[in-house]
PDBML (XML) file of the C-alpha atoms, coordinates in Angstrom:
<?xml version="1.0" encoding="UTF-8" ?>
<PDBx:datablock datablockName="MODEL"
   xmlns:PDBx="http://pdbml.pdb.org/schema/pdbx-v50.xsd"
   xmlns:xsi="http://www.w3.org/2001/XMLSchema-instance"
   xsi:schemaLocation="http://pdbml.pdb.org/schema/pdbx-v50.xsd pdbx-v50.xsd">
   <PDBx:atom_siteCategory>
      <PDBx:atom_site id="1">
         <PDBx:B_iso_or_equiv>0.00</PDBx:B_iso_or_equiv>
         <PDBx:Cartn_x>287.271</PDBx:Cartn_x>
         <PDBx:Cartn_y>132.578</PDBx:Cartn_y>
         <PDBx:Cartn_z>45.353</PDBx:Cartn_z>
         <PDBx:auth_asym_id>A</PDBx:auth_asym_id>
         <PDBx:auth_atom_id>CA</PDBx:auth_atom_id>
         <PDBx:auth_comp_id>ASN</PDBx:auth_comp_id>
         <PDBx:auth_seq_id>1</PDBx:auth_seq_id>
         <PDBx:group_PDB>ATOM</PDBx:group_PDB>
         <PDBx:label_alt_id xsi:nil="true" />
         <PDBx:label_asym_id>A</PDBx:label_asym_id>
         <PDBx:label_atom_id>CA</PDBx:label_atom_id>
         <PDBx:label_comp_id>ASN</PDBx:label_comp_id>
         <PDBx:label_entity_id>1</PDBx:label_entity_id>
         <PDBx:label_seq_id>1</PDBx:label_seq_id>
         <PDBx:occupancy>1.00</PDBx:occupancy>
         <PDBx:pdbx_PDB_model_num>1</PDBx:pdbx_PDB_model_num>
         <PDBx:type_symbol>C</PDBx:type_symbol>
      </PDBx:atom_site>
      <PDBx:atom_site id="2">
         <PDBx:B_iso_or_equiv>0.00</PDBx:B_iso_or_equiv>
         <PDBx:Cartn_x>287.981</PDBx:Cartn_x>
         <PDBx:Cartn_y>135.867</PDBx:Cartn_y>
         <PDBx:Cartn_z>47.117</PDBx:Cartn_z>
         <PDBx:auth_asym_id>A</PDBx:auth_asym_id>
         <PDBx:auth_atom_id>CA</PDBx:auth_atom_id>
         <PDBx:auth_comp_id>ILE</PDBx:auth_comp_id>
         <PDBx:auth_seq_id>2</PDBx:auth_seq_id>
         <PDBx:group_PDB>ATOM</PDBx:group_PDB>
         <PDBx:label_alt_id xsi:nil="true" />
         <PDBx:label_asym_id>A</PDBx:label_asym_id>
         <PDBx:label_atom_id>CA</PDBx:label_atom_id>
         <PDBx:label_comp_id>ILE</PDBx:label_comp_id>
         <PDBx:label_entity_id>1</PDBx:label_entity_id>
         <PDBx:label_seq_id>2</PDBx:label_seq_id>
         <PDBx:occupancy>1.00</PDBx:occupancy>
         <PDBx:pdbx_PDB_model_num>1</PDBx:pdbx_PDB_model_num>
         <PDBx:type_symbol>C</PDBx:type_symbol>
      </PDBx:atom_site>
      <PDBx:atom_site id="3">
         <PDBx:B_iso_or_equiv>0.00</PDBx:B_iso_or_equiv>
         <PDBx:Cartn_x>287.273</PDBx:Cartn_x>
         <PDBx:Cartn_y>134.915</PDBx:Cartn_y>
         <PDBx:Cartn_z>50.731</PDBx:Cartn_z>
         <PDBx:auth_asym_id>A</PDBx:auth_asym_id>
         <PDBx:auth_atom_id>CA</PDBx:auth_atom_id>
         <PDBx:auth_comp_id>GLY</PDBx:auth_comp_id>
         <PDBx:auth_seq_id>3</PDBx:auth_seq_id>
         <PDBx:group_PDB>ATOM</PDBx:group_PDB>
         <PDBx:label_alt_id xsi:nil="true" />
         <PDBx:label_asym_id>A</PDBx:label_asym_id>
         <PDBx:label_atom_id>CA</PDBx:label_atom_id>
         <PDBx:label_comp_id>GLY</PDBx:label_comp_id>
         <PDBx:label_entity_id>1</PDBx:label_entity_id>
         <PDBx:label_seq_id>3</PDBx:label_seq_id>
         <PDBx:occupancy>1.00</PDBx:occupancy>
         <PDBx:pdbx_PDB_model_num>1</PDBx:pdbx_PDB_model_num>
         <PDBx:type_symbol>C</PDBx:type_symbol>
      </PDBx:atom_site>
      <PDBx:atom_site id="4">
         <PDBx:B_iso_or_equiv>0.00</PDBx:B_iso_or_equiv>
         <PDBx:Cartn_x>287.851</PDBx:Cartn_x>
         <PDBx:Cartn_y>131.186</PDBx:Cartn_y>
         <PDBx:Cartn_z>51.023</PDBx:Cartn_z>
         <PDBx:auth_asym_id>A</PDBx:auth_asym_id>
         <PDBx:auth_atom_id>CA</PDBx:auth_atom_id>
         <PDBx:auth_comp_id>GLY</PDBx:auth_comp_id>
         <PDBx:auth_seq_id>4</PDBx:auth_seq_id>
         <PDBx:group_PDB>ATOM</PDBx:group_PDB>
         <PDBx:label_alt_id xsi:nil="true" />
         <PDBx:label_asym_id>A</PDBx:label_asym_id>
         <PDBx:label_atom_id>CA</PDBx:label_atom_id>
         <PDBx:label_comp_id>GLY</PDBx:label_comp_id>
         <PDBx:label_entity_id>1</PDBx:label_entity_id>
         <PDBx:label_seq_id>4</PDBx:label_seq_id>
         <PDBx:occupancy>1.00</PDBx:occupancy>
         <PDBx:pdbx_PDB_model_num>1</PDBx:pdbx_PDB_model_num>
         <PDBx:type_symbol>C</PDBx:type_symbol>
      </PDBx:atom_site>
      <PDBx:atom_site id="5">
         <PDBx:B_iso_or_equiv>0.00</PDBx:B_iso_or_equiv>
         <PDBx:Cartn_x>286.447</PDBx:Cartn_x>
         <PDBx:Cartn_y>131.183</PDBx:Cartn_y>
         <PDBx:Cartn_z>54.563</PDBx:Cartn_z>
         <PDBx:auth_asym_id>A</PDBx:auth_asym_id>
         <PDBx:auth_atom_id>CA</PDBx:auth_atom_id>
         <PDBx:auth_comp_id>SER</PDBx:auth_comp_id>
         <PDBx:auth_seq_id>5</PDBx:auth_seq_id>
         <PDBx:group_PDB>ATOM</PDBx:group_PDB>
         <PDBx:label_alt_id xsi:nil="true" />
         <PDBx:label_asym_id>A</PDBx:label_asym_id>
         <PDBx:label_atom_id>CA</PDBx:label_atom_id>
         <PDBx:label_comp_id>SER</PDBx:label_comp_id>
         <PDBx:label_entity_id>1</PDBx:label_entity_id>
         <PDBx:label_seq_id>5</PDBx:label_seq_id>
         <PDBx:occupancy>1.00</PDBx:occupancy>
         <PDBx:pdbx_PDB_model_num>1</PDBx:pdbx_PDB_model_num>
         <PDBx:type_symbol>C</PDBx:type_symbol>
      </PDBx:atom_site>
      <PDBx:atom_site id="6">
         <PDBx:B_iso_or_equiv>0.00</PDBx:B_iso_or_equiv>
         <PDBx:Cartn_x>284.461</PDBx:Cartn_x>
         <PDBx:Cartn_y>128.361</PDBx:Cartn_y>
         <PDBx:Cartn_z>56.157</PDBx:Cartn_z>
         <PDBx:auth_asym_id>A</PDBx:auth_asym_id>
         <PDBx:auth_atom_id>CA</PDBx:auth_atom_id>
         <PDBx:auth_comp_id>VAL</PDBx:auth_comp_id>
         <PDBx:auth_seq_id>6</PDBx:auth_seq_id>
         <PDBx:group_PDB>ATOM</PDBx:group_PDB>
         <PDBx:label_alt_id xsi:nil="true" />
         <PDBx:label_asym_id>A</PDBx:label_asym_id>
         <PDBx:label_atom_id>CA</PDBx:label_atom_id>
         <PDBx:label_comp_id>VAL</PDBx:label_comp_id>
         <PDBx:label_entity_id>1</PDBx:label_entity_id>
         <PDBx:label_seq_id>6</PDBx:label_seq_id>
         <PDBx:occupancy>1.00</PDBx:occupancy>
         <PDBx:pdbx_PDB_model_num>1</PDBx:pdbx_PDB_model_num>
         <PDBx:type_symbol>C</PDBx:type_symbol>
      </PDBx:atom_site>
      <PDBx:atom_site id="7">
         <PDBx:B_iso_or_equiv>0.00</PDBx:B_iso_or_equiv>
         <PDBx:Cartn_x>281.386</PDBx:Cartn_x>
         <PDBx:Cartn_y>130.590</PDBx:Cartn_y>
         <PDBx:Cartn_z>55.897</PDBx:Cartn_z>
         <PDBx:auth_asym_id>A</PDBx:auth_asym_id>
         <PDBx:auth_atom_id>CA</PDBx:auth_atom_id>
         <PDBx:auth_comp_id>ASN</PDBx:auth_comp_id>
         <PDBx:auth_seq_id>7</PDBx:auth_seq_id>
         <PDBx:group_PDB>ATOM</PDBx:group_PDB>
         <PDBx:label_alt_id xsi:nil="true" />
         <PDBx:label_asym_id>A</PDBx:label_asym_id>
         <PDBx:label_atom_id>CA</PDBx:label_atom_id>
         <PDBx:label_comp_id>ASN</PDBx:label_comp_id>
         <PDBx:label_entity_id>1</PDBx:label_entity_id>
         <PDBx:label_seq_id>7</PDBx:label_seq_id>
         <PDBx:occupancy>1.00</PDBx:occupancy>
         <PDBx:pdbx_PDB_model_num>1</PDBx:pdbx_PDB_model_num>
         <PDBx:type_symbol>C</PDBx:type_symbol>
      </PDBx:atom_site>
      <PDBx:atom_site id="8">
         <PDBx:B_iso_or_equiv>0.00</PDBx:B_iso_or_equiv>
         <PDBx:Cartn_x>281.885</PDBx:Cartn_x>
         <PDBx:Cartn_y>130.976</PDBx:Cartn_y>
         <PDBx:Cartn_z>52.129</PDBx:Cartn_z>
         <PDBx:auth_asym_id>A</PDBx:auth_asym_id>
         <PDBx:auth_atom_id>CA</PDBx:auth_atom_id>
         <PDBx:auth_comp_id>CYS</PDBx:auth_comp_id>
         <PDBx:auth_seq_id>8</PDBx:auth_seq_id>
         <PDBx:group_PDB>ATOM</PDBx:group_PDB>
         <PDBx:label_alt_id xsi:nil="true" />
         <PDBx:label_asym_id>A</PDBx:label_asym_id>
         <PDBx:label_atom_id>CA</PDBx:label_atom_id>
         <PDBx:label_comp_id>CYS</PDBx:label_comp_id>
         <PDBx:label_entity_id>1</PDBx:label_entity_id>
         <PDBx:label_seq_id>8</PDBx:label_seq_id>
         <PDBx:occupancy>1.00</PDBx:occupancy>
         <PDBx:pdbx_PDB_model_num>1</PDBx:pdbx_PDB_model_num>
         <PDBx:type_symbol>C</PDBx:type_symbol>
      </PDBx:atom_site>
      <PDBx:atom_site id="9">
         <PDBx:B_iso_or_equiv>0.00</PDBx:B_iso_or_equiv>
         <PDBx:Cartn_x>282.189</PDBx:Cartn_x>
         <PDBx:Cartn_y>127.215</PDBx:Cartn_y>
         <PDBx:Cartn_z>51.704</PDBx:Cartn_z>
         <PDBx:auth_asym_id>A</PDBx:auth_asym_id>
         <PDBx:auth_atom_id>CA</PDBx:auth_atom_id>
         <PDBx:auth_comp_id>PHE</PDBx:auth_comp_id>
         <PDBx:auth_seq_id>9</PDBx:auth_seq_id>
         <PDBx:group_PDB>ATOM</PDBx:group_PDB>
         <PDBx:label_alt_id xsi:nil="true" />
         <PDBx:label_asym_id>A</PDBx:label_asym_id>
         <PDBx:label_atom_id>CA</PDBx:label_atom_id>
         <PDBx:label_comp_id>PHE</PDBx:label_comp_id>
         <PDBx:label_entity_id>1</PDBx:label_entity_id>
         <PDBx:label_seq_id>9</PDBx:label_seq_id>
         <PDBx:occupancy>1.00</PDBx:occupancy>
         <PDBx:pdbx_PDB_model_num>1</PDBx:pdbx_PDB_model_num>
         <PDBx:type_symbol>C</PDBx:type_symbol>
      </PDBx:atom_site>
      <PDBx:atom_site id="10">
         <PDBx:B_iso_or_equiv>0.00</PDBx:B_iso_or_equiv>
         <PDBx:Cartn_x>279.095</PDBx:Cartn_x>
         <PDBx:Cartn_y>126.678</PDBx:Cartn_y>
         <PDBx:Cartn_z>53.871</PDBx:Cartn_z>
         <PDBx:auth_asym_id>A</PDBx:auth_asym_id>
         <PDBx:auth_atom_id>CA</PDBx:auth_atom_id>
         <PDBx:auth_comp_id>ASP</PDBx:auth_comp_id>
         <PDBx:auth_seq_id>10</PDBx:auth_seq_id>
         <PDBx:group_PDB>ATOM</PDBx:group_PDB>
         <PDBx:label_alt_id xsi:nil="true" />
         <PDBx:label_asym_id>A</PDBx:label_asym_id>
         <PDBx:label_atom_id>CA</PDBx:label_atom_id>
         <PDBx:label_comp_id>ASP</PDBx:label_comp_id>
         <PDBx:label_entity_id>1</PDBx:label_entity_id>
         <PDBx:label_seq_id>10</PDBx:label_seq_id>
         <PDBx:occupancy>1.00</PDBx:occupancy>
         <PDBx:pdbx_PDB_model_num>1</PDBx:pdbx_PDB_model_num>
         <PDBx:type_symbol>C</PDBx:type_symbol>
      </PDBx:atom_site>
      <PDBx:atom_site id="11">
         <PDBx:B_iso_or_equiv>0.00</PDBx:B_iso_or_equiv>
         <PDBx:Cartn_x>276.996</PDBx:Cartn_x>
         <PDBx:Cartn_y>129.102</PDBx:Cartn_y>
         <PDBx:Cartn_z>51.826</PDBx:Cartn_z>
         <PDBx:auth_asym_id>A</PDBx:auth_asym_id>
         <PDBx:auth_atom_id>CA</PDBx:auth_atom_id>
         <PDBx:auth_comp_id>LYS</PDBx:auth_comp_id>
         <PDBx:auth_seq_id>11</PDBx:auth_seq_id>
         <PDBx:group_PDB>ATOM</PDBx:group_PDB>
         <PDBx:label_alt_id xsi:nil="true" />
         <PDBx:label_asym_id>A</PDBx:label_asym_id>
         <PDBx:label_atom_id>CA</PDBx:label_atom_id>
         <PDBx:label_comp_id>LYS</PDBx:label_comp_id>
         <PDBx:label_entity_id>1</PDBx:label_entity_id>
         <PDBx:label_seq_id>11</PDBx:label_seq_id>
         <PDBx:occupancy>1.00</PDBx:occupancy>
         <PDBx:pdbx_PDB_model_num>1</PDBx:pdbx_PDB_model_num>
         <PDBx:type_symbol>C</PDBx:type_symbol>
      </PDBx:atom_site>
      <PDBx:atom_site id="12">
         <PDBx:B_iso_or_equiv>0.00</PDBx:B_iso_or_equiv>
         <PDBx:Cartn_x>277.859</PDBx:Cartn_x>
         <PDBx:Cartn_y>127.267</PDBx:Cartn_y>
         <PDBx:Cartn_z>48.595</PDBx:Cartn_z>
         <PDBx:auth_asym_id>A</PDBx:auth_asym_id>
         <PDBx:auth_atom_id>CA</PDBx:auth_atom_id>
         <PDBx:auth_comp_id>LEU</PDBx:auth_comp_id>
         <PDBx:auth_seq_id>12</PDBx:auth_seq_id>
         <PDBx:group_PDB>ATOM</PDBx:group_PDB>
         <PDBx:label_alt_id xsi:nil="true" />
         <PDBx:label_asym_id>A</PDBx:label_asym_id>
         <PDBx:label_atom_id>CA</PDBx:label_atom_id>
         <PDBx:label_comp_id>LEU</PDBx:label_comp_id>
         <PDBx:label_entity_id>1</PDBx:label_entity_id>
         <PDBx:label_seq_id>12</PDBx:label_seq_id>
         <PDBx:occupancy>1.00</PDBx:occupancy>
         <PDBx:pdbx_PDB_model_num>1</PDBx:pdbx_PDB_model_num>
         <PDBx:type_symbol>C</PDBx:type_symbol>
      </PDBx:atom_site>
      <PDBx:atom_site id="13">
         <PDBx:B_iso_or_equiv>0.00</PDBx:B_iso_or_equiv>
         <PDBx:Cartn_x>277.294</PDBx:Cartn_x>
         <PDBx:Cartn_y>123.864</PDBx:Cartn_y>
         <PDBx:Cartn_z>50.199</PDBx:Cartn_z>
         <PDBx:auth_asym_id>A</PDBx:auth_asym_id>
         <PDBx:auth_atom_id>CA</PDBx:auth_atom_id>
         <PDBx:auth_comp_id>THR</PDBx:auth_comp_id>
         <PDBx:auth_seq_id>13</PDBx:auth_seq_id>
         <PDBx:group_PDB>ATOM</PDBx:group_PDB>
         <PDBx:label_alt_id xsi:nil="true" />
         <PDBx:label_asym_id>A</PDBx:label_asym_id>
         <PDBx:label_atom_id>CA</PDBx:label_atom_id>
         <PDBx:label_comp_id>THR</PDBx:label_comp_id>
         <PDBx:label_entity_id>1</PDBx:label_entity_id>
         <PDBx:label_seq_id>13</PDBx:label_seq_id>
         <PDBx:occupancy>1.00</PDBx:occupancy>
         <PDBx:pdbx_PDB_model_num>1</PDBx:pdbx_PDB_model_num>
         <PDBx:type_symbol>C</PDBx:type_symbol>
      </PDBx:atom_site>
      <PDBx:atom_site id="14">
         <PDBx:B_iso_or_equiv>0.00</PDBx:B_iso_or_equiv>
         <PDBx:Cartn_x>273.880</PDBx:Cartn_x>
         <PDBx:Cartn_y>124.903</PDBx:Cartn_y>
         <PDBx:Cartn_z>51.514</PDBx:Cartn_z>
         <PDBx:auth_asym_id>A</PDBx:auth_asym_id>
         <PDBx:auth_atom_id>CA</PDBx:auth_atom_id>
         <PDBx:auth_comp_id>ASN</PDBx:auth_comp_id>
         <PDBx:auth_seq_id>14</PDBx:auth_seq_id>
         <PDBx:group_PDB>ATOM</PDBx:group_PDB>
         <PDBx:label_alt_id xsi:nil="true" />
         <PDBx:label_asym_id>A</PDBx:label_asym_id>
         <PDBx:label_atom_id>CA</PDBx:label_atom_id>
         <PDBx:label_comp_id>ASN</PDBx:label_comp_id>
         <PDBx:label_entity_id>1</PDBx:label_entity_id>
         <PDBx:label_seq_id>14</PDBx:label_seq_id>
         <PDBx:occupancy>1.00</PDBx:occupancy>
         <PDBx:pdbx_PDB_model_num>1</PDBx:pdbx_PDB_model_num>
         <PDBx:type_symbol>C</PDBx:type_symbol>
      </PDBx:atom_site>
      <PDBx:atom_site id="15">
         <PDBx:B_iso_or_equiv>0.00</PDBx:B_iso_or_equiv>
         <PDBx:Cartn_x>273.009</PDBx:Cartn_x>
         <PDBx:Cartn_y>126.264</PDBx:Cartn_y>
         <PDBx:Cartn_z>48.077</PDBx:Cartn_z>
         <PDBx:auth_asym_id>A</PDBx:auth_asym_id>
         <PDBx:auth_atom_id>CA</PDBx:auth_atom_id>
         <PDBx:auth_comp_id>PHE</PDBx:auth_comp_id>
         <PDBx:auth_seq_id>15</PDBx:auth_seq_id>
         <PDBx:group_PDB>ATOM</PDBx:group_PDB>
         <PDBx:label_alt_id xsi:nil="true" />
         <PDBx:label_asym_id>A</PDBx:label_asym_id>
         <PDBx:label_atom_id>CA</PDBx:label_atom_id>
         <PDBx:label_comp_id>PHE</PDBx:label_comp_id>
         <PDBx:label_entity_id>1</PDBx:label_entity_id>
         <PDBx:label_seq_id>15</PDBx:label_seq_id>
         <PDBx:occupancy>1.00</PDBx:occupancy>
         <PDBx:pdbx_PDB_model_num>1</PDBx:pdbx_PDB_model_num>
         <PDBx:type_symbol>C</PDBx:type_symbol>
      </PDBx:atom_site>
      <PDBx:atom_site id="16">
         <PDBx:B_iso_or_equiv>0.00</PDBx:B_iso_or_equiv>
         <PDBx:Cartn_x>273.859</PDBx:Cartn_x>
         <PDBx:Cartn_y>122.942</PDBx:Cartn_y>
         <PDBx:Cartn_z>46.431</PDBx:Cartn_z>
         <PDBx:auth_asym_id>A</PDBx:auth_asym_id>
         <PDBx:auth_atom_id>CA</PDBx:auth_atom_id>
         <PDBx:auth_comp_id>TYR</PDBx:auth_comp_id>
         <PDBx:auth_seq_id>16</PDBx:auth_seq_id>
         <PDBx:group_PDB>ATOM</PDBx:group_PDB>
         <PDBx:label_alt_id xsi:nil="true" />
         <PDBx:label_asym_id>A</PDBx:label_asym_id>
         <PDBx:label_atom_id>CA</PDBx:label_atom_id>
         <PDBx:label_comp_id>TYR</PDBx:label_comp_id>
         <PDBx:label_entity_id>1</PDBx:label_entity_id>
         <PDBx:label_seq_id>16</PDBx:label_seq_id>
         <PDBx:occupancy>1.00</PDBx:occupancy>
         <PDBx:pdbx_PDB_model_num>1</PDBx:pdbx_PDB_model_num>
         <PDBx:type_symbol>C</PDBx:type_symbol>
      </PDBx:atom_site>
      <PDBx:atom_site id="17">
         <PDBx:B_iso_or_equiv>0.00</PDBx:B_iso_or_equiv>
         <PDBx:Cartn_x>271.800</PDBx:Cartn_x>
         <PDBx:Cartn_y>121.050</PDBx:Cartn_y>
         <PDBx:Cartn_z>49.000</PDBx:Cartn_z>
         <PDBx:auth_asym_id>A</PDBx:auth_asym_id>
         <PDBx:auth_atom_id>CA</PDBx:auth_atom_id>
         <PDBx:auth_comp_id>GLU</PDBx:auth_comp_id>
         <PDBx:auth_seq_id>17</PDBx:auth_seq_id>
         <PDBx:group_PDB>ATOM</PDBx:group_PDB>
         <PDBx:label_alt_id xsi:nil="true" />
         <PDBx:label_asym_id>A</PDBx:label_asym_id>
         <PDBx:label_atom_id>CA</PDBx:label_atom_id>
         <PDBx:label_comp_id>GLU</PDBx:label_comp_id>
         <PDBx:label_entity_id>1</PDBx:label_entity_id>
         <PDBx:label_seq_id>17</PDBx:label_seq_id>
         <PDBx:occupancy>1.00</PDBx:occupancy>
         <PDBx:pdbx_PDB_model_num>1</PDBx:pdbx_PDB_model_num>
         <PDBx:type_symbol>C</PDBx:type_symbol>
      </PDBx:atom_site>
      <PDBx:atom_site id="18">
         <PDBx:B_iso_or_equiv>0.00</PDBx:B_iso_or_equiv>
         <PDBx:Cartn_x>268.851</PDBx:Cartn_x>
         <PDBx:Cartn_y>123.402</PDBx:Cartn_y>
         <PDBx:Cartn_z>48.462</PDBx:Cartn_z>
         <PDBx:auth_asym_id>A</PDBx:auth_asym_id>
         <PDBx:auth_atom_id>CA</PDBx:auth_atom_id>
         <PDBx:auth_comp_id>ASN</PDBx:auth_comp_id>
         <PDBx:auth_seq_id>18</PDBx:auth_seq_id>
         <PDBx:group_PDB>ATOM</PDBx:group_PDB>
         <PDBx:label_alt_id xsi:nil="true" />
         <PDBx:label_asym_id>A</PDBx:label_asym_id>
         <PDBx:label_atom_id>CA</PDBx:label_atom_id>
         <PDBx:label_comp_id>ASN</PDBx:label_comp_id>
         <PDBx:label_entity_id>1</PDBx:label_entity_id>
         <PDBx:label_seq_id>18</PDBx:label_seq_id>
         <PDBx:occupancy>1.00</PDBx:occupancy>
         <PDBx:pdbx_PDB_model_num>1</PDBx:pdbx_PDB_model_num>
         <PDBx:type_symbol>C</PDBx:type_symbol>
      </PDBx:atom_site>
      <PDBx:atom_site id="19">
         <PDBx:B_iso_or_equiv>0.00</PDBx:B_iso_or_equiv>
         <PDBx:Cartn_x>269.188</PDBx:Cartn_x>
         <PDBx:Cartn_y>122.784</PDBx:Cartn_y>
         <PDBx:Cartn_z>44.728</PDBx:Cartn_z>
         <PDBx:auth_asym_id>A</PDBx:auth_asym_id>
         <PDBx:auth_atom_id>CA</PDBx:auth_atom_id>
         <PDBx:auth_comp_id>GLN</PDBx:auth_comp_id>
         <PDBx:auth_seq_id>19</PDBx:auth_seq_id>
         <PDBx:group_PDB>ATOM</PDBx:group_PDB>
         <PDBx:label_alt_id xsi:nil="true" />
         <PDBx:label_asym_id>A</PDBx:label_asym_id>
         <PDBx:label_atom_id>CA</PDBx:label_atom_id>
         <PDBx:label_comp_id>GLN</PDBx:label_comp_id>
         <PDBx:label_entity_id>1</PDBx:label_entity_id>
         <PDBx:label_seq_id>19</PDBx:label_seq_id>
         <PDBx:occupancy>1.00</PDBx:occupancy>
         <PDBx:pdbx_PDB_model_num>1</PDBx:pdbx_PDB_model_num>
         <PDBx:type_symbol>C</PDBx:type_symbol>
      </PDBx:atom_site>
      <PDBx:atom_site id="20">
         <PDBx:B_iso_or_equiv>0.00</PDBx:B_iso_or_equiv>
         <PDBx:Cartn_x>269.179</PDBx:Cartn_x>
         <PDBx:Cartn_y>119.003</PDBx:Cartn_y>
         <PDBx:Cartn_z>45.268</PDBx:Cartn_z>
         <PDBx:auth_asym_id>A</PDBx:auth_asym_id>
         <PDBx:auth_atom_id>CA</PDBx:auth_atom_id>
         <PDBx:auth_comp_id>GLN</PDBx:auth_comp_id>
         <PDBx:auth_seq_id>20</PDBx:auth_seq_id>
         <PDBx:group_PDB>ATOM</PDBx:group_PDB>
         <PDBx:label_alt_id xsi:nil="true" />
         <PDBx:label_asym_id>A</PDBx:label_asym_id>
         <PDBx:label_atom_id>CA</PDBx:label_atom_id>
         <PDBx:label_comp_id>GLN</PDBx:label_comp_id>
         <PDBx:label_entity_id>1</PDBx:label_entity_id>
         <PDBx:label_seq_id>20</PDBx:label_seq_id>
         <PDBx:occupancy>1.00</PDBx:occupancy>
         <PDBx:pdbx_PDB_model_num>1</PDBx:pdbx_PDB_model_num>
         <PDBx:type_symbol>C</PDBx:type_symbol>
      </PDBx:atom_site>
      <PDBx:atom_site id="21">
         <PDBx:B_iso_or_equiv>0.00</PDBx:B_iso_or_equiv>
         <PDBx:Cartn_x>272.764</PDBx:Cartn_x>
         <PDBx:Cartn_y>118.689</PDBx:Cartn_y>
         <PDBx:Cartn_z>44.008</PDBx:Cartn_z>
         <PDBx:auth_asym_id>A</PDBx:auth_asym_id>
         <PDBx:auth_atom_id>CA</PDBx:auth_atom_id>
         <PDBx:auth_comp_id>GLN</PDBx:auth_comp_id>
         <PDBx:auth_seq_id>21</PDBx:auth_seq_id>
         <PDBx:group_PDB>ATOM</PDBx:group_PDB>
         <PDBx:label_alt_id xsi:nil="true" />
         <PDBx:label_asym_id>A</PDBx:label_asym_id>
         <PDBx:label_atom_id>CA</PDBx:label_atom_id>
         <PDBx:label_comp_id>GLN</PDBx:label_comp_id>
         <PDBx:label_entity_id>1</PDBx:label_entity_id>
         <PDBx:label_seq_id>21</PDBx:label_seq_id>
         <PDBx:occupancy>1.00</PDBx:occupancy>
         <PDBx:pdbx_PDB_model_num>1</PDBx:pdbx_PDB_model_num>
         <PDBx:type_symbol>C</PDBx:type_symbol>
      </PDBx:atom_site>
      <PDBx:atom_site id="22">
         <PDBx:B_iso_or_equiv>0.00</PDBx:B_iso_or_equiv>
         <PDBx:Cartn_x>274.394</PDBx:Cartn_x>
         <PDBx:Cartn_y>116.483</PDBx:Cartn_y>
         <PDBx:Cartn_z>46.651</PDBx:Cartn_z>
         <PDBx:auth_asym_id>A</PDBx:auth_asym_id>
         <PDBx:auth_atom_id>CA</PDBx:auth_atom_id>
         <PDBx:auth_comp_id>PRO</PDBx:auth_comp_id>
         <PDBx:auth_seq_id>22</PDBx:auth_seq_id>
         <PDBx:group_PDB>ATOM</PDBx:group_PDB>
         <PDBx:label_alt_id xsi:nil="true" />
         <PDBx:label_asym_id>A</PDBx:label_asym_id>
         <PDBx:label_atom_id>CA</PDBx:label_atom_id>
         <PDBx:label_comp_id>PRO</PDBx:label_comp_id>
         <PDBx:label_entity_id>1</PDBx:label_entity_id>
         <PDBx:label_seq_id>22</PDBx:label_seq_id>
         <PDBx:occupancy>1.00</PDBx:occupancy>
         <PDBx:pdbx_PDB_model_num>1</PDBx:pdbx_PDB_model_num>
         <PDBx:type_symbol>C</PDBx:type_symbol>
      </PDBx:atom_site>
      <PDBx:atom_site id="23">
         <PDBx:B_iso_or_equiv>0.00</PDBx:B_iso_or_equiv>
         <PDBx:Cartn_x>277.399</PDBx:Cartn_x>
         <PDBx:Cartn_y>115.454</PDBx:Cartn_y>
         <PDBx:Cartn_z>44.542</PDBx:Cartn_z>
         <PDBx:auth_asym_id>A</PDBx:auth_asym_id>
         <PDBx:auth_atom_id>CA</PDBx:auth_atom_id>
         <PDBx:auth_comp_id>GLU</PDBx:auth_comp_id>
         <PDBx:auth_seq_id>23</PDBx:auth_seq_id>
         <PDBx:group_PDB>ATOM</PDBx:group_PDB>
         <PDBx:label_alt_id xsi:nil="true" />
         <PDBx:label_asym_id>A</PDBx:label_asym_id>
         <PDBx:label_atom_id>CA</PDBx:label_atom_id>
         <PDBx:label_comp_id>GLU</PDBx:label_comp_id>
         <PDBx:label_entity_id>1</PDBx:label_entity_id>
         <PDBx:label_seq_id>23</PDBx:label_seq_id>
         <PDBx:occupancy>1.00</PDBx:occupancy>
         <PDBx:pdbx_PDB_model_num>1</PDBx:pdbx_PDB_model_num>
         <PDBx:type_symbol>C</PDBx:type_symbol>
      </PDBx:atom_site>
      <PDBx:atom_site id="24">
         <PDBx:B_iso_or_equiv>0.00</PDBx:B_iso_or_equiv>
         <PDBx:Cartn_x>278.413</PDBx:Cartn_x>
         <PDBx:Cartn_y>119.098</PDBx:Cartn_y>
         <PDBx:Cartn_z>44.154</PDBx:Cartn_z>
         <PDBx:auth_asym_id>A</PDBx:auth_asym_id>
         <PDBx:auth_atom_id>CA</PDBx:auth_atom_id>
         <PDBx:auth_comp_id>LYS</PDBx:auth_comp_id>
         <PDBx:auth_seq_id>24</PDBx:auth_seq_id>
         <PDBx:group_PDB>ATOM</PDBx:group_PDB>
         <PDBx:label_alt_id xsi:nil="true" />
         <PDBx:label_asym_id>A</PDBx:label_asym_id>
         <PDBx:label_atom_id>CA</PDBx:label_atom_id>
         <PDBx:label_comp_id>LYS</PDBx:label_comp_id>
         <PDBx:label_entity_id>1</PDBx:label_entity_id>
         <PDBx:label_seq_id>24</PDBx:label_seq_id>
         <PDBx:occupancy>1.00</PDBx:occupancy>
         <PDBx:pdbx_PDB_model_num>1</PDBx:pdbx_PDB_model_num>
         <PDBx:type_symbol>C</PDBx:type_symbol>
      </PDBx:atom_site>
      <PDBx:atom_site id="25">
         <PDBx:B_iso_or_equiv>0.00</PDBx:B_iso_or_equiv>
         <PDBx:Cartn_x>277.787</PDBx:Cartn_x>
         <PDBx:Cartn_y>119.664</PDBx:Cartn_y>
         <PDBx:Cartn_z>47.861</PDBx:Cartn_z>
         <PDBx:auth_asym_id>A</PDBx:auth_asym_id>
         <PDBx:auth_atom_id>CA</PDBx:auth_atom_id>
         <PDBx:auth_comp_id>ALA</PDBx:auth_comp_id>
         <PDBx:auth_seq_id>25</PDBx:auth_seq_id>
         <PDBx:group_PDB>ATOM</PDBx:group_PDB>
         <PDBx:label_alt_id xsi:nil="true" />
         <PDBx:label_asym_id>A</PDBx:label_asym_id>
         <PDBx:label_atom_id>CA</PDBx:label_atom_id>
         <PDBx:label_comp_id>ALA</PDBx:label_comp_id>
         <PDBx:label_entity_id>1</PDBx:label_entity_id>
         <PDBx:label_seq_id>25</PDBx:label_seq_id>
         <PDBx:occupancy>1.00</PDBx:occupancy>
         <PDBx:pdbx_PDB_model_num>1</PDBx:pdbx_PDB_model_num>
         <PDBx:type_symbol>C</PDBx:type_symbol>
      </PDBx:atom_site>
   </PDBx:atom_siteCategory>
</PDBx:datablock>
């Protein structure tokens, strides 16, 4: 929400994948 960079998006995407939440990813 603060940064909005590609890196920030990637971190959240990787988190969702690690949590087995592909729809959110």
